[in-house]
Amino acid sequence: MRYKVKLTYPTIVVIEQKEYLLFPGHEVELPDSAEVVKTYEGLGYLEPLPDKQKTKKEVNDGSS
C-alpha cells in the first residue's frame, strides 16, 4: 500500500529484512500487514493514499 510520510525527519524502517527509507513529504510503498506500519499510521506518521489503479475518471465526449 502507498503512504505519504508525515515525519519531520528521515527514518529507516526494517520490515521483513528489507530497509525502507522514509523521507518527510515523500510517498512510499510499504507492506500494510507489518505491525510497525500500523503503529506509524496510528501515530499519524504515515497517511494512506488512495489506490490509483482502482480509480477511474469518466470522460464526457460530448455526444449525450
C-alpha atoms as a PDB file:
ATOM      1  CA  MET A   1       0.000   0.000   0.000  1.00  0.00           C
ATOM      2  CA  ARG A   2       1.199   3.554  -0.704  1.00  0.00           C
ATOM      3  CA  TYR A   3       1.655   6.029   2.116  1.00  0.00           C
ATOM      4  CA  LYS A   4       2.660   9.668   2.387  1.00  0.00           C
ATOM      5  CA  VAL A   5       5.345  10.163   5.019  1.00  0.00           C
ATOM      6  CA  LYS A   6       4.321  12.745   7.646  1.00  0.00           C
ATOM      7  CA  LEU A   7       7.513  12.544   9.724  1.00  0.00           C
ATOM      8  CA  THR A   8       9.633  15.647  10.329  1.00  0.00           C
ATOM      9  CA  TYR A   9      12.942  13.779   9.878  1.00  0.00           C
ATOM     10  CA  PRO A  10      14.259  10.973   7.625  1.00  0.00           C
ATOM     11  CA  THR A  11      13.872   7.498   9.095  1.00  0.00           C
ATOM     12  CA  ILE A  12      14.880   3.959   8.137  1.00  0.00           C
ATOM     13  CA  VAL A  13      12.415   1.158   8.924  1.00  0.00           C
ATOM     14  CA  VAL A  14      13.300  -2.531   8.558  1.00  0.00           C
ATOM     15  CA  ILE A  15      10.381  -4.791   7.630  1.00  0.00           C
ATOM     16  CA  GLU A  16      10.972  -8.482   6.896  1.00  0.00           C
ATOM     17  CA  GLN A  17      14.740  -7.918   6.451  1.00  0.00           C
ATOM     18  CA  LYS A  18      14.169  -5.114   3.900  1.00  0.00           C
ATOM     19  CA  GLU A  19      15.040  -1.474   4.589  1.00  0.00           C
ATOM     20  CA  TYR A  20      12.597   1.313   3.731  1.00  0.00           C
ATOM     21  CA  LEU A  21      13.737   4.937   3.702  1.00  0.00           C
ATOM     22  CA  LEU A  22      11.051   7.319   4.919  1.00  0.00           C
ATOM     23  CA  PHE A  23      11.631  10.933   3.890  1.00  0.00           C
ATOM     24  CA  PRO A  24       9.280  13.732   5.025  1.00  0.00           C
ATOM     25  CA  GLY A  25       6.633  14.523   2.400  1.00  0.00           C
ATOM     26  CA  HIS A  26       7.538  11.625   0.105  1.00  0.00           C
ATOM     27  CA  GLU A  27       5.375   8.690  -0.951  1.00  0.00           C
ATOM     28  CA  VAL A  28       6.480   5.140  -0.195  1.00  0.00           C
ATOM     29  CA  GLU A  29       5.154   1.632  -0.844  1.00  0.00           C
ATOM     30  CA  LEU A  30       5.005  -0.385   2.385  1.00  0.00           C
ATOM     31  CA  PRO A  31       3.518  -3.762   3.349  1.00  0.00           C
ATOM     32  CA  ASP A  32       0.376  -2.756   5.266  1.00  0.00           C
ATOM     33  CA  SER A  33       0.374  -6.024   7.227  1.00  0.00           C
ATOM     34  CA  ALA A  34       3.540  -5.065   9.145  1.00  0.00           C
ATOM     35  CA  GLU A  35       2.993  -4.052  12.775  1.00  0.00           C
ATOM     36  CA  VAL A  36       5.353  -1.067  12.533  1.00  0.00           C
ATOM     37  CA  VAL A  37       3.356   0.319   9.587  1.00  0.00           C
ATOM     38  CA  LYS A  38       0.107   0.039  11.563  1.00  0.00           C
ATOM     39  CA  THR A  39       1.792   1.760  14.517  1.00  0.00           C
ATOM     40  CA  TYR A  40       3.217   4.603  12.410  1.00  0.00           C
ATOM     41  CA  GLU A  41      -0.171   5.055  10.732  1.00  0.00           C
ATOM     42  CA  GLY A  42      -1.912   5.181  14.125  1.00  0.00           C
ATOM     43  CA  LEU A  43       0.565   7.791  15.368  1.00  0.00           C
ATOM     44  CA  GLY A  44      -0.046   9.919  12.268  1.00  0.00           C
ATOM     45  CA  TYR A  45       3.435   9.404  10.804  1.00  0.00           C
ATOM     46  CA  LEU A  46       2.029   7.720   7.672  1.00  0.00           C
ATOM     47  CA  GLU A  47      -1.040   8.752   5.670  1.00  0.00           C
ATOM     48  CA  PRO A  48      -2.619   6.073   3.441  1.00  0.00           C
ATOM     49  CA  LEU A  49      -3.030   7.168  -0.172  1.00  0.00           C
ATOM     50  CA  PRO A  50      -5.886   6.063  -2.414  1.00  0.00           C
ATOM     51  CA  ASP A  51      -5.054   3.274  -4.836  1.00  0.00           C
ATOM     52  CA  LYS A  52      -4.591   4.956  -8.226  1.00  0.00           C
ATOM     53  CA  GLN A  53      -5.224   1.719 -10.127  1.00  0.00           C
ATOM     54  CA  LYS A  54      -8.734   1.262  -8.719  1.00  0.00           C
ATOM     55  CA  THR A  55      -9.995   4.757  -9.537  1.00  0.00           C
ATOM     56  CA  LYS A  56     -11.293   5.607 -12.991  1.00  0.00           C
ATOM     57  CA  LYS A  57     -12.066   9.021 -14.356  1.00  0.00           C
ATOM     58  CA  GLU A  58     -15.004   9.211 -16.711  1.00  0.00           C
ATOM     59  CA  VAL A  59     -14.542  11.309 -19.811  1.00  0.00           C
ATOM     60  CA  ASN A  60     -17.522  13.023 -21.408  1.00  0.00           C
ATOM     61  CA  ASP A  61     -17.087  13.024 -25.182  1.00  0.00           C
ATOM     62  CA  GLY A  62     -19.977  15.462 -25.684  1.00  0.00           C
ATOM     63  CA  SER A  63     -22.208  13.010 -27.565  1.00  0.00           C
ATOM     64  CA  SER A  64     -25.005  12.947 -24.950  1.00  0.00           C
END
